[in-house]
C-alpha atoms as a PDB file:
ATOM      1  CA  MET A   1       0.232   0.211   0.020  1.00  0.00           C
ATOM      2  CA  LYS A   2       2.832   2.251   0.944  1.00  0.00           C
ATOM      3  CA  LYS A   3       4.719   1.803  -2.846  1.00  0.00           C
ATOM      4  CA  ILE A   4       0.968   2.624  -4.327  1.00  0.00           C
ATOM      5  CA  THR A   5       0.965   5.685  -2.395  1.00  0.00           C
ATOM      6  CA  PHE A   6       4.705   6.612  -3.197  1.00  0.00           C
ATOM      7  CA  ILE A   7       3.922   5.871  -6.643  1.00  0.00           C
ATOM      8  CA  VAL A   8       0.270   8.156  -7.444  1.00  0.00           C
ATOM      9  CA  SER A   9       2.341  11.021  -5.203  1.00  0.00           C
ATOM     10  CA  VAL A  10       5.426  10.748  -7.957  1.00  0.00           C
ATOM     11  CA  LEU A  11       2.725  10.585 -10.292  1.00  0.00           C
ATOM     12  CA  ALA A  12       1.270  13.762  -9.089  1.00  0.00           C
ATOM     13  CA  LEU A  13       4.170  15.699  -8.869  1.00  0.00           C
ATOM     14  CA  VAL A  14       5.408  14.654 -12.893  1.00  0.00           C
ATOM     15  CA  MET A  15       2.460  16.044 -14.264  1.00  0.00           C
ATOM     16  CA  ALA A  16       2.320  19.058 -11.285  1.00  0.00           C
ATOM     17  CA  GLN A  17       5.536  20.087 -12.906  1.00  0.00           C
ATOM     18  CA  GLY A  18       4.433  19.254 -16.396  1.00  0.00           C
ATOM     19  CA  CYS A  19       1.888  21.901 -16.134  1.00  0.00           C
ATOM     20  CA  ASN A  20       3.684  24.286 -14.590  1.00  0.00           C
ATOM     21  CA  THR A  21       6.705  24.026 -17.764  1.00  0.00           C
ATOM     22  CA  LYS A  22       4.052  24.338 -19.884  1.00  0.00           C
ATOM     23  CA  VAL A  23       2.164  27.516 -18.225  1.00  0.00           C
ATOM     24  CA  GLU A  24       5.828  29.386 -18.396  1.00  0.00           C
ATOM     25  CA  LYS A  25       6.411  28.246 -22.218  1.00  0.00           C
ATOM     26  CA  GLN A  26       3.069  29.498 -23.221  1.00  0.00           C
ATOM     27  CA  GLU A  27       4.118  33.133 -21.236  1.00  0.00           C
ATOM     28  CA  LYS A  28       7.476  33.069 -23.141  1.00  0.00           C
ATOM     29  CA  VAL A  29       5.334  33.007 -26.648  1.00  0.00           C
ATOM     30  CA  GLU A  30       2.711  35.600 -25.878  1.00  0.00           C
ATOM     31  CA  THR A  31       5.708  38.206 -24.438  1.00  0.00           C
ATOM     32  CA  ASN A  32       7.910  37.378 -27.240  1.00  0.00           C
ATOM     33  CA  GLN A  33       4.623  38.185 -29.258  1.00  0.00           C
ATOM     34  CA  ASN A  34       4.185  41.452 -27.955  1.00  0.00           C
ATOM     35  CA  GLU A  35       7.976  42.759 -27.512  1.00  0.00           C
ATOM     36  CA  GLU A  36       8.491  46.516 -28.633  1.00  0.00           C
ATOM     37  CA  SER A  37      10.840  47.337 -31.262  1.00  0.00           C
ATOM     38  CA  ILE A  38      14.408  48.679 -30.740  1.00  0.00           C
ATOM     39  CA  PHE A  39      13.953  51.747 -31.497  1.00  0.00           C
ATOM     40  CA  PRO A  40      11.181  54.155 -30.633  1.00  0.00           C
ATOM     41  CA  LYS A  41       8.800  54.570 -33.201  1.00  0.00           C
ATOM     42  CA  GLY A  42       9.718  58.172 -34.308  1.00  0.00           C
ATOM     43  CA  GLU A  43       8.378  60.914 -35.606  1.00  0.00           C
ATOM     44  CA  ARG A  44       4.825  60.783 -38.172  1.00  0.00           C
ATOM     45  CA  GLY A  45       6.514  61.300 -41.858  1.00  0.00           C
ATOM     46  CA  SER A  46       5.027  64.157 -44.135  1.00  0.00           C
ATOM     47  CA  ALA A  47       2.021  63.439 -46.092  1.00  0.00           C
ATOM     48  CA  THR A  48       3.338  64.623 -48.889  1.00  0.00           C
ATOM     49  CA  ASN A  49       6.601  62.152 -49.365  1.00  0.00           C
ATOM     50  CA  PHE A  50       4.080  59.517 -47.736  1.00  0.00           C
ATOM     51  CA  THR A  51       0.951  57.399 -48.421  1.00  0.00           C
ATOM     52  CA  GLY A  52      -0.215  56.012 -45.313  1.00  0.00           C
ATOM     53  CA  ASN A  53       1.136  56.330 -41.776  1.00  0.00           C
ATOM     54  CA  ALA A  54       4.906  55.700 -41.870  1.00  0.00           C
ATOM     55  CA  HIS A  55       7.120  56.766 -39.020  1.00  0.00           C
ATOM     56  CA  ASN A  56      11.000  57.935 -38.891  1.00  0.00           C
ATOM     57  CA  TYR A  57      13.334  57.371 -36.358  1.00  0.00           C
ATOM     58  CA  ASN A  58      17.375  59.150 -36.539  1.00  0.00           C
ATOM     59  CA  LEU A  59      19.604  57.295 -35.680  1.00  0.00           C
ATOM     60  CA  VAL A  60      22.232  58.900 -37.064  1.00  0.00           C
ATOM     61  CA  GLU A  61      22.949  62.717 -37.409  1.00  0.00           C
ATOM     62  CA  ASN A  62      24.222  64.162 -40.775  1.00  0.00           C
ATOM     63  CA  ASP A  63      27.774  65.236 -39.776  1.00  0.00           C
ATOM     64  CA  SER A  64      31.165  66.297 -41.616  1.00  0.00           C
ATOM     65  CA  ILE A  65      33.050  63.340 -40.285  1.00  0.00           C
ATOM     66  CA  TYR A  66      30.975  60.462 -41.104  1.00  0.00           C
ATOM     67  CA  ASN A  67      28.984  62.473 -43.912  1.00  0.00           C
ATOM     68  CA  THR A  68      26.207  59.409 -43.265  1.00  0.00           C
ATOM     69  CA  LEU A  69      22.465  59.501 -42.094  1.00  0.00           C
ATOM     70  CA  ALA A  70      20.620  56.187 -40.498  1.00  0.00           C
ATOM     71  CA  GLY A  71      17.728  55.763 -39.128  1.00  0.00           C
ATOM     72  CA  ASN A  72      14.559  53.562 -38.606  1.00  0.00           C
ATOM     73  CA  VAL A  73      11.570  54.188 -40.376  1.00  0.00           C
ATOM     74  CA  TYR A  74       8.043  52.084 -39.317  1.00  0.00           C
ATOM     75  CA  PHE A  75       5.604  51.927 -41.772  1.00  0.00           C
ATOM     76  CA  GLU A  76       1.681  50.823 -41.085  1.00  0.00           C
ATOM     77  CA  LYS A  77       0.141  48.153 -43.249  1.00  0.00           C
ATOM     78  CA  SER A  78      -0.138  49.416 -46.795  1.00  0.00           C
ATOM     79  CA  ALA A  79       1.792  52.653 -45.942  1.00  0.00           C
ATOM     80  CA  ARG A  80       4.792  53.067 -48.415  1.00  0.00           C
ATOM     81  CA  SER A  81       6.746  56.091 -49.582  1.00  0.00           C
ATOM     82  CA  ASN A  82       6.823  58.185 -52.556  1.00  0.00           C
ATOM     83  CA  TRP A  83       8.990  57.499 -55.627  1.00  0.00           C
ATOM     84  CA  HIS A  84      12.442  58.931 -54.847  1.00  0.00           C
ATOM     85  CA  SER A  85      16.583  59.088 -55.307  1.00  0.00           C
ATOM     86  CA  HIS A  86      19.193  59.096 -53.522  1.00  0.00           C
ATOM     87  CA  PRO A  87      22.565  60.830 -55.264  1.00  0.00           C
ATOM     88  CA  SER A  88      24.977  58.430 -53.231  1.00  0.00           C
ATOM     89  CA  GLY A  89      22.111  55.308 -53.293  1.00  0.00           C
ATOM     90  CA  GLN A  90      20.709  53.787 -50.025  1.00  0.00           C
ATOM     91  CA  ILE A  91      20.947  50.641 -48.411  1.00  0.00           C
ATOM     92  CA  LEU A  92      17.986  49.325 -46.155  1.00  0.00           C
ATOM     93  CA  ILE A  93      18.104  46.296 -43.400  1.00  0.00           C
ATOM     94  CA  ILE A  94      14.364  44.710 -42.921  1.00  0.00           C
ATOM     95  CA  LEU A  95      14.158  44.552 -38.771  1.00  0.00           C
ATOM     96  CA  ASP A  96      11.010  43.353 -38.627  1.00  0.00           C
ATOM     97  CA  GLY A  97       7.921  42.463 -40.603  1.00  0.00           C
ATOM     98  CA  GLU A  98       6.972  42.531 -44.673  1.00  0.00           C
ATOM     99  CA  GLY A  99       7.361  44.791 -47.148  1.00  0.00           C
ATOM    100  CA  TYR A 100       7.600  45.946 -50.993  1.00  0.00           C
ATOM    101  CA  HIS A 101      10.464  47.773 -52.560  1.00  0.00           C
ATOM    102  CA  GLN A 102      11.072  48.532 -56.494  1.00  0.00           C
ATOM    103  CA  LEU A 103      13.591  49.924 -58.822  1.00  0.00           C
ATOM    104  CA  GLU A 104      11.833  51.996 -61.645  1.00  0.00           C
ATOM    105  CA  GLY A 105      11.312  49.478 -64.154  1.00  0.00           C
ATOM    106  CA  GLN A 106      11.811  46.725 -62.405  1.00  0.00           C
ATOM    107  CA  PRO A 107       9.309  44.184 -60.715  1.00  0.00           C
ATOM    108  CA  LYS A 108       8.316  44.975 -56.955  1.00  0.00           C
ATOM    109  CA  GLN A 109      10.014  42.744 -54.507  1.00  0.00           C
ATOM    110  CA  LEU A 110       8.989  41.141 -51.237  1.00  0.00           C
ATOM    111  CA  MET A 111      11.412  42.047 -48.847  1.00  0.00           C
ATOM    112  CA  LYS A 112      11.011  40.011 -44.854  1.00  0.00           C
ATOM    113  CA  LYS A 113      12.751  40.208 -41.314  1.00  0.00           C
ATOM    114  CA  GLY A 114      16.968  39.505 -42.582  1.00  0.00           C
ATOM    115  CA  ASP A 115      16.849  41.228 -45.487  1.00  0.00           C
ATOM    116  CA  VAL A 116      19.076  44.171 -47.134  1.00  0.00           C
ATOM    117  CA  ILE A 117      18.713  46.222 -50.362  1.00  0.00           C
ATOM    118  CA  LYS A 118      20.649  48.369 -52.000  1.00  0.00           C
ATOM    119  CA  CYS A 119      19.538  51.316 -54.247  1.00  0.00           C
ATOM    120  CA  PRO A 120      21.972  51.729 -56.019  1.00  0.00           C
ATOM    121  CA  PRO A 121      22.628  56.064 -56.394  1.00  0.00           C
ATOM    122  CA  ASN A 122      20.066  58.489 -58.563  1.00  0.00           C
ATOM    123  CA  THR A 123      17.402  55.767 -58.919  1.00  0.00           C
ATOM    124  CA  ARG A 124      14.495  55.828 -58.491  1.00  0.00           C
ATOM    125  CA  HIS A 125      12.723  53.834 -56.516  1.00  0.00           C
ATOM    126  CA  TRP A 126       9.894  53.054 -53.256  1.00  0.00           C
ATOM    127  CA  HIS A 127       9.571  50.698 -50.707  1.00  0.00           C
ATOM    128  CA  GLY A 128       6.617  50.529 -47.497  1.00  0.00           C
ATOM    129  CA  ALA A 129       4.446  47.608 -46.064  1.00  0.00           C
ATOM    130  CA  THR A 130       2.724  44.606 -47.336  1.00  0.00           C
ATOM    131  CA  GLU A 131      -1.065  45.135 -47.230  1.00  0.00           C
ATOM    132  CA  SER A 132      -1.524  43.115 -44.004  1.00  0.00           C
ATOM    133  CA  SER A 133       2.012  43.417 -42.627  1.00  0.00           C
ATOM    134  CA  SER A 134       3.671  46.599 -40.920  1.00  0.00           C
ATOM    135  CA  LEU A 135       7.329  46.749 -41.406  1.00  0.00           C
ATOM    136  CA  THR A 136      10.236  48.280 -39.394  1.00  0.00           C
ATOM    137  CA  GLN A 137      13.036  49.298 -41.709  1.00  0.00           C
ATOM    138  CA  MET A 138      17.115  50.632 -41.119  1.00  0.00           C
ATOM    139  CA  TYR A 139      18.552  53.324 -43.701  1.00  0.00           C
ATOM    140  CA  ILE A 140      21.680  53.976 -44.230  1.00  0.00           C
ATOM    141  CA  LEU A 141      22.541  56.940 -46.508  1.00  0.00           C
ATOM    142  CA  PRO A 142      26.242  57.526 -46.906  1.00  0.00           C
ATOM    143  CA  LYS A 143      28.093  60.149 -49.053  1.00  0.00           C
ATOM    144  CA  THR A 144      25.521  62.745 -47.586  1.00  0.00           C
ATOM    145  CA  GLU A 145      27.936  65.340 -48.995  1.00  0.00           C
ATOM    146  CA  ASN A 146      26.559  64.676 -52.268  1.00  0.00           C
ATOM    147  CA  GLY A 147      22.770  65.350 -51.590  1.00  0.00           C
ATOM    148  CA  VAL A 148      20.221  62.694 -49.593  1.00  0.00           C
ATOM    149  CA  VAL A 149      17.321  62.959 -50.759  1.00  0.00           C
ATOM    150  CA  THR A 150      15.050  64.539 -53.956  1.00  0.00           C
ATOM    151  CA  TRP A 151      11.370  63.211 -53.321  1.00  0.00           C
ATOM    152  CA  LEU A 152       8.671  62.779 -56.212  1.00  0.00           C
ATOM    153  CA  GLU A 153       5.249  61.803 -57.267  1.00  0.00           C
ATOM    154  CA  PRO A 154       3.270  59.358 -54.721  1.00  0.00           C
ATOM    155  CA  VAL A 155       3.341  55.437 -55.976  1.00  0.00           C
ATOM    156  CA  THR A 156      -0.196  55.141 -57.334  1.00  0.00           C
ATOM    157  CA  GLU A 157      -2.196  51.977 -56.420  1.00  0.00           C
ATOM    158  CA  GLU A 158      -1.763  50.435 -59.617  1.00  0.00           C
ATOM    159  CA  THR A 159       1.790  50.092 -59.204  1.00  0.00           C
ATOM    160  CA  TYR A 160       1.356  49.726 -55.805  1.00  0.00           C
ATOM    161  CA  SER A 161      -1.084  46.718 -56.235  1.00  0.00           C
ATOM    162  CA  ALA A 162       0.570  45.070 -59.494  1.00  0.00           C
ATOM    163  CA  LYS A 163       2.164  41.169 -59.010  1.00  0.00           C
END
């Protein structure tokens, strides 16, 4: 009888531990899904340069030593930049979500977390979030002594929705 009581006690303890472990894992998953971005959301982008809601946070201010700008842009679902170009090009590092990028004359490309995109100098392009996902990207603008950006017309719905 003592053996049965002991075995039942051990089984109850093991089952209780299993339940506790599952609760801890579930809490961790929920925490990961609600993590905040590494950078603040930043200032809302101008409606003259963006369709939808995009927010910019400067990380590296331009100066005469580094001649580089770097920042973070958060695009809400379907938000996107206007067509634009950079005299010395642009590097995009996708930190979270999914988005689109398009160089003029080329098909629209899907961007995902971990992608690194190079926009060639003086090449018209646009980028932004997909219809179903927000997008967080870091941008790097080198050689700012050549200029920073030339903003152009908005991306049409037809261009944004093209397959």
